[in-house]
């Protein structure tokens, strides 16, 4: 079985691979499913205004990219989950599909 990395709602150290939500699922048929992070929206500023940027994982090459208004630069997996994370986007891992998380970064 794929190892489980539980959600840590009280920290900013969220898993980028093998997230498991078994503790919180209502439908027991969902137990054992794993998720991989593929995007992070970040907000800098206050409730009155600010700036949004994003980090996304390329589905073809598995590399992470930082997207700002005028540029796209390669980044590292370790740098994508930060305190400015506003929304984390996870997708279901499918065992017969090669996961970008499993590829070299």
PDB file of N, CA and C in Angstrom:
ATOM      1  N   UNK A   1       0.822  -1.206   0.000  1.00  0.00           N
ATOM      2  CA  UNK A   1       0.000   0.000   0.000  1.00  0.00           C
ATOM      3  C   UNK A   1       0.860   1.262   0.000  1.00  0.00           C
ATOM      4  N   UNK A   2       0.295   2.340  -0.535  1.00  0.00           N
ATOM      5  CA  UNK A   2       0.980   3.632  -0.568  1.00  0.00           C
ATOM      6  C   UNK A   2       0.989   4.201   0.846  1.00  0.00           C
ATOM      7  N   UNK A   3       2.133   4.710   1.319  1.00  0.00           N
ATOM      8  CA  UNK A   3       2.161   5.274   2.674  1.00  0.00           C
ATOM      9  C   UNK A   3       1.228   6.473   2.798  1.00  0.00           C
ATOM     10  N   UNK A   4       0.729   6.669   3.971  1.00  0.00           N
ATOM     11  CA  UNK A   4      -0.218   7.745   4.252  1.00  0.00           C
ATOM     12  C   UNK A   4       0.507   8.915   4.917  1.00  0.00           C
ATOM     13  N   UNK A   5       0.285  10.120   4.400  1.00  0.00           N
ATOM     14  CA  UNK A   5       0.789  11.334   5.043  1.00  0.00           C
ATOM     15  C   UNK A   5      -0.441  12.117   5.473  1.00  0.00           C
ATOM     16  N   UNK A   6      -0.731  12.165   6.777  1.00  0.00           N
ATOM     17  CA  UNK A   6      -1.963  12.820   7.225  1.00  0.00           C
ATOM     18  C   UNK A   6      -1.915  14.333   7.061  1.00  0.00           C
ATOM     19  N   UNK A   7      -3.093  14.916   6.948  1.00  0.00           N
ATOM     20  CA  UNK A   7      -3.248  16.371   6.867  1.00  0.00           C
ATOM     21  C   UNK A   7      -2.915  16.981   8.212  1.00  0.00           C
ATOM     22  N   UNK A   8      -2.115  18.022   8.218  1.00  0.00           N
ATOM     23  CA  UNK A   8      -1.745  18.722   9.449  1.00  0.00           C
ATOM     24  C   UNK A   8      -2.351  20.115   9.395  1.00  0.00           C
ATOM     25  N   UNK A   9      -3.589  20.249   9.792  1.00  0.00           N
ATOM     26  CA  UNK A   9      -4.307  21.506   9.613  1.00  0.00           C
ATOM     27  C   UNK A   9      -3.756  22.657  10.447  1.00  0.00           C
ATOM     28  N   UNK A  10      -2.977  22.373  11.449  1.00  0.00           N
ATOM     29  CA  UNK A  10      -2.472  23.434  12.312  1.00  0.00           C
ATOM     30  C   UNK A  10      -1.051  23.884  11.951  1.00  0.00           C
ATOM     31  N   UNK A  11      -0.502  23.365  10.869  1.00  0.00           N
ATOM     32  CA  UNK A  11       0.847  23.755  10.468  1.00  0.00           C
ATOM     33  C   UNK A  11       0.845  24.219   9.031  1.00  0.00           C
ATOM     34  N   UNK A  12       1.949  24.791   8.587  1.00  0.00           N
ATOM     35  CA  UNK A  12       2.079  25.164   7.181  1.00  0.00           C
ATOM     36  C   UNK A  12       2.883  24.098   6.433  1.00  0.00           C
ATOM     37  N   UNK A  13       3.089  22.947   7.068  1.00  0.00           N
ATOM     38  CA  UNK A  13       3.865  21.870   6.473  1.00  0.00           C
ATOM     39  C   UNK A  13       2.918  20.824   5.885  1.00  0.00           C
ATOM     40  N   UNK A  14       2.268  21.161   4.789  1.00  0.00           N
ATOM     41  CA  UNK A  14       1.315  20.256   4.169  1.00  0.00           C
ATOM     42  C   UNK A  14       2.040  19.357   3.173  1.00  0.00           C
ATOM     43  N   UNK A  15       1.627  18.099   3.076  1.00  0.00           N
ATOM     44  CA  UNK A  15       2.316  17.165   2.185  1.00  0.00           C
ATOM     45  C   UNK A  15       2.118  17.520   0.715  1.00  0.00           C
ATOM     46  N   UNK A  16       3.133  17.249  -0.092  1.00  0.00           N
ATOM     47  CA  UNK A  16       3.024  17.446  -1.529  1.00  0.00           C
ATOM     48  C   UNK A  16       2.701  16.137  -2.230  1.00  0.00           C
ATOM     49  N   UNK A  17       2.805  15.015  -1.531  1.00  0.00           N
ATOM     50  CA  UNK A  17       2.518  13.723  -2.126  1.00  0.00           C
ATOM     51  C   UNK A  17       1.960  12.768  -1.070  1.00  0.00           C
ATOM     52  N   UNK A  18       1.094  11.873  -1.497  1.00  0.00           N
ATOM     53  CA  UNK A  18       0.495  10.843  -0.644  1.00  0.00           C
ATOM     54  C   UNK A  18      -0.336  11.383   0.510  1.00  0.00           C
ATOM     55  N   UNK A  19      -0.987  12.521   0.293  1.00  0.00           N
ATOM     56  CA  UNK A  19      -1.908  13.042   1.304  1.00  0.00           C
ATOM     57  C   UNK A  19      -3.031  12.041   1.502  1.00  0.00           C
ATOM     58  N   UNK A  20      -3.361  11.758   2.755  1.00  0.00           N
ATOM     59  CA  UNK A  20      -4.457  10.847   3.044  1.00  0.00           C
ATOM     60  C   UNK A  20      -5.444  11.552   3.967  1.00  0.00           C
ATOM     61  N   UNK A  21      -6.705  11.437   3.622  1.00  0.00           N
ATOM     62  CA  UNK A  21      -7.768  12.088   4.376  1.00  0.00           C
ATOM     63  C   UNK A  21      -8.675  11.069   5.062  1.00  0.00           C
ATOM     64  N   UNK A  22      -8.148   9.861   5.287  1.00  0.00           N
ATOM     65  CA  UNK A  22      -8.941   8.766   5.842  1.00  0.00           C
ATOM     66  C   UNK A  22      -9.673   9.151   7.123  1.00  0.00           C
ATOM     67  N   UNK A  23      -9.052   9.953   7.934  1.00  0.00           N
ATOM     68  CA  UNK A  23      -9.631  10.338   9.226  1.00  0.00           C
ATOM     69  C   UNK A  23     -10.892  11.184   9.072  1.00  0.00           C
ATOM     70  N   UNK A  24     -11.038  11.867   7.921  1.00  0.00           N
ATOM     71  CA  UNK A  24     -12.133  12.808   7.750  1.00  0.00           C
ATOM     72  C   UNK A  24     -13.186  12.401   6.729  1.00  0.00           C
ATOM     73  N   UNK A  25     -13.007  11.306   6.007  1.00  0.00           N
ATOM     74  CA  UNK A  25     -13.976  10.954   4.967  1.00  0.00           C
ATOM     75  C   UNK A  25     -15.222  10.320   5.573  1.00  0.00           C
ATOM     76  N   UNK A  26     -16.395  10.698   5.039  1.00  0.00           N
ATOM     77  CA  UNK A  26     -17.658  10.135   5.506  1.00  0.00           C
ATOM     78  C   UNK A  26     -17.962   8.830   4.767  1.00  0.00           C
ATOM     79  N   UNK A  27     -17.575   8.755   3.509  1.00  0.00           N
ATOM     80  CA  UNK A  27     -17.817   7.565   2.701  1.00  0.00           C
ATOM     81  C   UNK A  27     -16.636   6.623   2.882  1.00  0.00           C
ATOM     82  N   UNK A  28     -16.830   5.527   3.570  1.00  0.00           N
ATOM     83  CA  UNK A  28     -15.733   4.609   3.877  1.00  0.00           C
ATOM     84  C   UNK A  28     -15.110   4.023   2.615  1.00  0.00           C
ATOM     85  N   UNK A  29     -15.814   4.082   1.475  1.00  0.00           N
ATOM     86  CA  UNK A  29     -15.251   3.628   0.212  1.00  0.00           C
ATOM     87  C   UNK A  29     -14.103   4.504  -0.267  1.00  0.00           C
ATOM     88  N   UNK A  30     -13.959   5.671   0.335  1.00  0.00           N
ATOM     89  CA  UNK A  30     -12.881   6.595  -0.033  1.00  0.00           C
ATOM     90  C   UNK A  30     -11.619   6.359   0.792  1.00  0.00           C
ATOM     91  N   UNK A  31     -11.699   5.553   1.821  1.00  0.00           N
ATOM     92  CA  UNK A  31     -10.544   5.269   2.673  1.00  0.00           C
ATOM     93  C   UNK A  31      -9.455   4.597   1.833  1.00  0.00           C
ATOM     94  N   UNK A  32      -8.234   5.034   2.041  1.00  0.00           N
ATOM     95  CA  UNK A  32      -7.102   4.448   1.333  1.00  0.00           C
ATOM     96  C   UNK A  32      -6.690   5.212   0.093  1.00  0.00           C
ATOM     97  N   UNK A  33      -7.501   6.186  -0.316  1.00  0.00           N
ATOM     98  CA  UNK A  33      -7.124   6.981  -1.485  1.00  0.00           C
ATOM     99  C   UNK A  33      -6.052   7.977  -1.093  1.00  0.00           C
ATOM    100  N   UNK A  34      -5.175   8.287  -2.031  1.00  0.00           N
ATOM    101  CA  UNK A  34      -4.079   9.218  -1.790  1.00  0.00           C
ATOM    102  C   UNK A  34      -4.147  10.351  -2.806  1.00  0.00           C
ATOM    103  N   UNK A  35      -3.647  11.501  -2.405  1.00  0.00           N
ATOM    104  CA  UNK A  35      -3.729  12.694  -3.233  1.00  0.00           C
ATOM    105  C   UNK A  35      -2.350  13.326  -3.374  1.00  0.00           C
ATOM    106  N   UNK A  36      -2.152  14.020  -4.502  1.00  0.00           N
ATOM    107  CA  UNK A  36      -0.893  14.722  -4.736  1.00  0.00           C
ATOM    108  C   UNK A  36      -1.181  16.197  -4.996  1.00  0.00           C
ATOM    109  N   UNK A  37      -0.330  17.037  -4.458  1.00  0.00           N
ATOM    110  CA  UNK A  37      -0.452  18.476  -4.646  1.00  0.00           C
ATOM    111  C   UNK A  37      -0.033  18.820  -6.059  1.00  0.00           C
ATOM    112  N   UNK A  38      -0.823  19.659  -6.740  1.00  0.00           N
ATOM    113  CA  UNK A  38      -0.429  20.093  -8.080  1.00  0.00           C
ATOM    114  C   UNK A  38      -0.486  21.604  -8.244  1.00  0.00           C
ATOM    115  N   UNK A  39      -0.934  22.320  -7.227  1.00  0.00           N
ATOM    116  CA  UNK A  39      -0.954  23.770  -7.331  1.00  0.00           C
ATOM    117  C   UNK A  39      -1.168  24.435  -5.988  1.00  0.00           C
ATOM    118  N   UNK A  40      -0.657  25.656  -5.867  1.00  0.00           N
ATOM    119  CA  UNK A  40      -0.825  26.454  -4.651  1.00  0.00           C
ATOM    120  C   UNK A  40      -1.068  27.898  -5.065  1.00  0.00           C
ATOM    121  N   UNK A  41      -2.159  28.490  -4.592  1.00  0.00           N
ATOM    122  CA  UNK A  41      -2.398  29.923  -4.769  1.00  0.00           C
ATOM    123  C   UNK A  41      -1.876  30.611  -3.518  1.00  0.00           C
ATOM    124  N   UNK A  42      -1.135  31.680  -3.718  1.00  0.00           N
ATOM    125  CA  UNK A  42      -0.565  32.438  -2.599  1.00  0.00           C
ATOM    126  C   UNK A  42      -1.108  33.856  -2.607  1.00  0.00           C
ATOM    127  N   UNK A  43      -1.372  34.390  -1.424  1.00  0.00           N
ATOM    128  CA  UNK A  43      -1.843  35.767  -1.294  1.00  0.00           C
ATOM    129  C   UNK A  43      -0.888  36.540  -0.402  1.00  0.00           C
ATOM    130  N   UNK A  44      -0.492  37.695  -0.888  1.00  0.00           N
ATOM    131  CA  UNK A  44       0.354  38.607  -0.107  1.00  0.00           C
ATOM    132  C   UNK A  44      -0.423  39.897   0.065  1.00  0.00           C
ATOM    133  N   UNK A  45      -0.549  40.369   1.285  1.00  0.00           N
ATOM    134  CA  UNK A  45      -1.270  41.605   1.529  1.00  0.00           C
ATOM    135  C   UNK A  45      -2.229  41.447   2.677  1.00  0.00           C
ATOM    136  N   UNK A  46      -3.359  42.158   2.581  1.00  0.00           N
ATOM    137  CA  UNK A  46      -4.357  42.142   3.641  1.00  0.00           C
ATOM    138  C   UNK A  46      -5.724  41.832   3.053  1.00  0.00           C
ATOM    139  N   UNK A  47      -6.740  41.843   3.903  1.00  0.00           N
ATOM    140  CA  UNK A  47      -8.106  41.627   3.418  1.00  0.00           C
ATOM    141  C   UNK A  47      -8.560  42.762   2.509  1.00  0.00           C
ATOM    142  N   UNK A  48      -7.963  43.934   2.681  1.00  0.00           N
ATOM    143  CA  UNK A  48      -8.345  45.086   1.875  1.00  0.00           C
ATOM    144  C   UNK A  48      -7.711  45.069   0.487  1.00  0.00           C
ATOM    145  N   UNK A  49      -6.705  44.282   0.295  1.00  0.00           N
ATOM    146  CA  UNK A  49      -6.042  44.239  -1.009  1.00  0.00           C
ATOM    147  C   UNK A  49      -4.774  43.428  -0.926  1.00  0.00           C
ATOM    148  N   UNK A  50      -4.220  43.137  -2.067  1.00  0.00           N
ATOM    149  CA  UNK A  50      -3.001  42.348  -2.054  1.00  0.00           C
ATOM    150  C   UNK A  50      -2.643  41.856  -3.435  1.00  0.00           C
ATOM    151  N   UNK A  51      -1.850  40.837  -3.459  1.00  0.00           N
ATOM    152  CA  UNK A  51      -1.320  40.310  -4.715  1.00  0.00           C
ATOM    153  C   UNK A  51      -1.356  38.786  -4.662  1.00  0.00           C
ATOM    154  N   UNK A  52      -1.780  38.172  -5.745  1.00  0.00           N
ATOM    155  CA  UNK A  52      -1.824  36.719  -5.843  1.00  0.00           C
ATOM    156  C   UNK A  52      -0.764  36.212  -6.806  1.00  0.00           C
ATOM    157  N   UNK A  53      -0.125  35.122  -6.426  1.00  0.00           N
ATOM    158  CA  UNK A  53       0.808  34.400  -7.289  1.00  0.00           C
ATOM    159  C   UNK A  53       0.484  32.917  -7.122  1.00  0.00           C
ATOM    160  N   UNK A  54       1.114  32.074  -7.929  1.00  0.00           N
ATOM    161  CA  UNK A  54       0.815  30.647  -7.832  1.00  0.00           C
ATOM    162  C   UNK A  54       2.059  29.814  -8.088  1.00  0.00           C
ATOM    163  N   UNK A  55       2.047  28.616  -7.552  1.00  0.00           N
ATOM    164  CA  UNK A  55       3.033  27.586  -7.854  1.00  0.00           C
ATOM    165  C   UNK A  55       2.244  26.428  -8.439  1.00  0.00           C
ATOM    166  N   UNK A  56       2.699  25.876  -9.567  1.00  0.00           N
ATOM    167  CA  UNK A  56       2.007  24.750 -10.195  1.00  0.00           C
ATOM    168  C   UNK A  56       3.009  23.706 -10.637  1.00  0.00           C
ATOM    169  N   UNK A  57       2.555  22.446 -10.607  1.00  0.00           N
ATOM    170  CA  UNK A  57       3.394  21.342 -11.070  1.00  0.00           C
ATOM    171  C   UNK A  57       2.983  21.011 -12.503  1.00  0.00           C
ATOM    172  N   UNK A  58       3.951  20.989 -13.401  1.00  0.00           N
ATOM    173  CA  UNK A  58       3.708  20.629 -14.784  1.00  0.00           C
ATOM    174  C   UNK A  58       3.393  19.136 -14.854  1.00  0.00           C
ATOM    175  N   UNK A  59       2.247  18.778 -15.426  1.00  0.00           N
ATOM    176  CA  UNK A  59       1.816  17.381 -15.472  1.00  0.00           C
ATOM    177  C   UNK A  59       2.694  16.533 -16.388  1.00  0.00           C
ATOM    178  N   UNK A  60       3.382  17.159 -17.323  1.00  0.00           N
ATOM    179  CA  UNK A  60       4.211  16.389 -18.261  1.00  0.00           C
ATOM    180  C   UNK A  60       5.607  16.108 -17.733  1.00  0.00           C
ATOM    181  N   UNK A  61       6.231  17.114 -17.127  1.00  0.00           N
ATOM    182  CA  UNK A  61       7.622  16.900 -16.693  1.00  0.00           C
ATOM    183  C   UNK A  61       7.777  16.806 -15.173  1.00  0.00           C
ATOM    184  N   UNK A  62       6.702  17.044 -14.410  1.00  0.00           N
ATOM    185  CA  UNK A  62       6.753  16.928 -12.961  1.00  0.00           C
ATOM    186  C   UNK A  62       7.460  18.062 -12.250  1.00  0.00           C
ATOM    187  N   UNK A  63       7.929  19.072 -12.996  1.00  0.00           N
ATOM    188  CA  UNK A  63       8.642  20.197 -12.369  1.00  0.00           C
ATOM    189  C   UNK A  63       7.648  21.231 -11.860  1.00  0.00           C
ATOM    190  N   UNK A  64       8.087  21.956 -10.828  1.00  0.00           N
ATOM    191  CA  UNK A  64       7.286  23.025 -10.244  1.00  0.00           C
ATOM    192  C   UNK A  64       7.689  24.366 -10.849  1.00  0.00           C
ATOM    193  N   UNK A  65       6.664  25.232 -11.033  1.00  0.00           N
ATOM    194  CA  UNK A  65       6.898  26.569 -11.583  1.00  0.00           C
ATOM    195  C   UNK A  65       6.180  27.600 -10.731  1.00  0.00           C
ATOM    196  N   UNK A  66       6.832  28.758 -10.577  1.00  0.00           N
ATOM    197  CA  UNK A  66       6.285  29.900  -9.848  1.00  0.00           C
ATOM    198  C   UNK A  66       5.741  30.873 -10.886  1.00  0.00           C
ATOM    199  N   UNK A  67       4.467  31.246 -10.764  1.00  0.00           N
ATOM    200  CA  UNK A  67       3.821  32.135 -11.721  1.00  0.00           C
ATOM    201  C   UNK A  67       3.478  33.452 -11.056  1.00  0.00           C
ATOM    202  N   UNK A  68       4.004  34.524 -11.604  1.00  0.00           N
ATOM    203  CA  UNK A  68       3.715  35.876 -11.149  1.00  0.00           C
ATOM    204  C   UNK A  68       3.054  36.594 -12.322  1.00  0.00           C
ATOM    205  N   UNK A  69       2.705  37.851 -12.147  1.00  0.00           N
ATOM    206  CA  UNK A  69       2.018  38.579 -13.209  1.00  0.00           C
ATOM    207  C   UNK A  69       2.783  38.608 -14.528  1.00  0.00           C
ATOM    208  N   UNK A  70       4.096  38.734 -14.449  1.00  0.00           N
ATOM    209  CA  UNK A  70       4.861  38.931 -15.679  1.00  0.00           C
ATOM    210  C   UNK A  70       5.920  37.868 -15.927  1.00  0.00           C
ATOM    211  N   UNK A  71       5.997  36.853 -15.092  1.00  0.00           N
ATOM    212  CA  UNK A  71       7.053  35.870 -15.301  1.00  0.00           C
ATOM    213  C   UNK A  71       6.660  34.491 -14.806  1.00  0.00           C
ATOM    214  N   UNK A  72       7.343  33.498 -15.362  1.00  0.00           N
ATOM    215  CA  UNK A  72       7.220  32.109 -14.927  1.00  0.00           C
ATOM    216  C   UNK A  72       8.633  31.609 -14.714  1.00  0.00           C
ATOM    217  N   UNK A  73       8.924  31.122 -13.509  1.00  0.00           N
ATOM    218  CA  UNK A  73      10.260  30.616 -13.217  1.00  0.00           C
ATOM    219  C   UNK A  73      10.160  29.246 -12.561  1.00  0.00           C
ATOM    220  N   UNK A  74      11.149  28.418 -12.813  1.00  0.00           N
ATOM    221  CA  UNK A  74      11.174  27.103 -12.188  1.00  0.00           C
ATOM    222  C   UNK A  74      11.475  27.268 -10.699  1.00  0.00           C
ATOM    223  N   UNK A  75      10.836  26.441  -9.883  1.00  0.00           N
ATOM    224  CA  UNK A  75      11.056  26.473  -8.436  1.00  0.00           C
ATOM    225  C   UNK A  75      11.218  25.043  -7.939  1.00  0.00           C
ATOM    226  N   UNK A  76      11.304  24.881  -6.640  1.00  0.00           N
ATOM    227  CA  UNK A  76      11.473  23.549  -6.064  1.00  0.00           C
ATOM    228  C   UNK A  76      10.213  23.133  -5.317  1.00  0.00           C
ATOM    229  N   UNK A  77      10.031  21.846  -5.156  1.00  0.00           N
ATOM    230  CA  UNK A  77       8.890  21.334  -4.408  1.00  0.00           C
ATOM    231  C   UNK A  77       8.921  21.835  -2.966  1.00  0.00           C
ATOM    232  N   UNK A  78      10.098  21.927  -2.392  1.00  0.00           N
ATOM    233  CA  UNK A  78      10.239  22.378  -1.000  1.00  0.00           C
ATOM    234  C   UNK A  78       9.776  23.820  -0.819  1.00  0.00           C
ATOM    235  N   UNK A  79       9.801  24.617  -1.890  1.00  0.00           N
ATOM    236  CA  UNK A  79       9.471  26.039  -1.781  1.00  0.00           C
ATOM    237  C   UNK A  79       7.999  26.349  -2.027  1.00  0.00           C
ATOM    238  N   UNK A  80       7.193  25.364  -2.431  1.00  0.00           N
ATOM    239  CA  UNK A  80       5.840  25.707  -2.861  1.00  0.00           C
ATOM    240  C   UNK A  80       4.828  25.901  -1.739  1.00  0.00           C
ATOM    241  N   UNK A  81       4.964  25.210  -0.628  1.00  0.00           N
ATOM    242  CA  UNK A  81       4.003  25.383   0.463  1.00  0.00           C
ATOM    243  C   UNK A  81       4.626  26.302   1.498  1.00  0.00           C
ATOM    244  N   UNK A  82       4.105  27.510   1.533  1.00  0.00           N
ATOM    245  CA  UNK A  82       4.646  28.528   2.439  1.00  0.00           C
ATOM    246  C   UNK A  82       3.508  29.177   3.215  1.00  0.00           C
ATOM    247  N   UNK A  83       3.842  30.046   4.134  1.00  0.00           N
ATOM    248  CA  UNK A  83       2.819  30.673   4.981  1.00  0.00           C
ATOM    249  C   UNK A  83       1.825  31.497   4.183  1.00  0.00           C
ATOM    250  N   UNK A  84       2.206  31.957   3.006  1.00  0.00           N
ATOM    251  CA  UNK A  84       1.296  32.752   2.182  1.00  0.00           C
ATOM    252  C   UNK A  84       0.314  31.883   1.404  1.00  0.00           C
ATOM    253  N   UNK A  85       0.392  30.548   1.557  1.00  0.00           N
ATOM    254  CA  UNK A  85      -0.508  29.644   0.835  1.00  0.00           C
ATOM    255  C   UNK A  85      -1.957  29.962   1.199  1.00  0.00           C
ATOM    256  N   UNK A  86      -2.755  30.192   0.182  1.00  0.00           N
ATOM    257  CA  UNK A  86      -4.159  30.574   0.360  1.00  0.00           C
ATOM    258  C   UNK A  86      -5.074  29.405   0.005  1.00  0.00           C
ATOM    259  N   UNK A  87      -4.784  28.725  -1.101  1.00  0.00           N
ATOM    260  CA  UNK A  87      -5.533  27.542  -1.521  1.00  0.00           C
ATOM    261  C   UNK A  87      -4.535  26.503  -2.016  1.00  0.00           C
ATOM    262  N   UNK A  88      -4.668  25.271  -1.542  1.00  0.00           N
ATOM    263  CA  UNK A  88      -3.835  24.164  -2.008  1.00  0.00           C
ATOM    264  C   UNK A  88      -4.708  23.267  -2.869  1.00  0.00           C
ATOM    265  N   UNK A  89      -4.214  22.897  -4.043  1.00  0.00           N
ATOM    266  CA  UNK A  89      -4.975  22.083  -4.993  1.00  0.00           C
ATOM    267  C   UNK A  89      -4.381  20.681  -5.043  1.00  0.00           C
ATOM    268  N   UNK A  90      -5.206  19.706  -4.694  1.00  0.00           N
ATOM    269  CA  UNK A  90      -4.793  18.303  -4.707  1.00  0.00           C
ATOM    270  C   UNK A  90      -5.618  17.547  -5.740  1.00  0.00           C
ATOM    271  N   UNK A  91      -5.020  16.499  -6.305  1.00  0.00           N
ATOM    272  CA  UNK A  91      -5.759  15.609  -7.187  1.00  0.00           C
ATOM    273  C   UNK A  91      -5.550  14.175  -6.715  1.00  0.00           C
ATOM    274  N   UNK A  92      -6.542  13.355  -7.019  1.00  0.00           N
ATOM    275  CA  UNK A  92      -6.488  11.951  -6.669  1.00  0.00           C
ATOM    276  C   UNK A  92      -5.352  11.279  -7.428  1.00  0.00           C
ATOM    277  N   UNK A  93      -4.559  10.501  -6.713  1.00  0.00           N
ATOM    278  CA  UNK A  93      -3.515   9.724  -7.368  1.00  0.00           C
ATOM    279  C   UNK A  93      -4.158   8.486  -7.968  1.00  0.00           C
ATOM    280  N   UNK A  94      -3.830   8.207  -9.195  1.00  0.00           N
ATOM    281  CA  UNK A  94      -4.331   7.019  -9.873  1.00  0.00           C
ATOM    282  C   UNK A  94      -3.136   6.112 -10.097  1.00  0.00           C
ATOM    283  N   UNK A  95      -3.191   4.906  -9.533  1.00  0.00           N
ATOM    284  CA  UNK A  95      -2.023   4.027  -9.552  1.00  0.00           C
ATOM    285  C   UNK A  95      -1.562   3.654 -10.943  1.00  0.00           C
ATOM    286  N   UNK A  96      -2.481   3.563 -11.923  1.00  0.00           N
ATOM    287  CA  UNK A  96      -2.047   3.164 -13.261  1.00  0.00           C
ATOM    288  C   UNK A  96      -1.594   4.351 -14.096  1.00  0.00           C
ATOM    289  N   UNK A  97      -1.643   5.555 -13.535  1.00  0.00           N
ATOM    290  CA  UNK A  97      -1.137   6.750 -14.216  1.00  0.00           C
ATOM    291  C   UNK A  97       0.160   7.137 -13.541  1.00  0.00           C
ATOM    292  N   UNK A  98       1.167   7.435 -14.331  1.00  0.00           N
ATOM    293  CA  UNK A  98       2.424   7.864 -13.733  1.00  0.00           C
ATOM    294  C   UNK A  98       2.233   9.223 -13.106  1.00  0.00           C
ATOM    295  N   UNK A  99       2.578   9.339 -11.859  1.00  0.00           N
ATOM    296  CA  UNK A  99       2.416  10.578 -11.118  1.00  0.00           C
ATOM    297  C   UNK A  99       3.587  11.507 -11.345  1.00  0.00           C
ATOM    298  N   UNK A 100       3.338  12.804 -11.599  1.00  0.00           N
ATOM    299  CA  UNK A 100       4.456  13.745 -11.706  1.00  0.00           C
ATOM    300  C   UNK A 100       5.295  13.779 -10.430  1.00  0.00           C
ATOM    301  N   UNK A 101       4.662  13.474  -9.292  1.00  0.00           N
ATOM    302  CA  UNK A 101       5.386  13.499  -8.021  1.00  0.00           C
ATOM    303  C   UNK A 101       6.462  12.417  -7.986  1.00  0.00           C
ATOM    304  N   UNK A 102       6.274  11.359  -8.749  1.00  0.00           N
ATOM    305  CA  UNK A 102       7.227  10.267  -8.752  1.00  0.00           C
ATOM    306  C   UNK A 102       8.404  10.479  -9.686  1.00  0.00           C
ATOM    307  N   UNK A 103       8.321  11.500 -10.507  1.00  0.00           N
ATOM    308  CA  UNK A 103       9.398  11.791 -11.454  1.00  0.00           C
ATOM    309  C   UNK A 103      10.471  12.640 -10.799  1.00  0.00           C
ATOM    310  N   UNK A 104      11.619  12.681 -11.438  1.00  0.00           N
ATOM    311  CA  UNK A 104      12.704  13.515 -10.891  1.00  0.00           C
ATOM    312  C   UNK A 104      12.310  14.971 -11.016  1.00  0.00           C
ATOM    313  N   UNK A 105      12.733  15.738 -10.050  1.00  0.00           N
ATOM    314  CA  UNK A 105      12.338  17.148  -9.996  1.00  0.00           C
ATOM    315  C   UNK A 105      13.369  18.017 -10.639  1.00  0.00           C
TER     316      UNK A 105
END
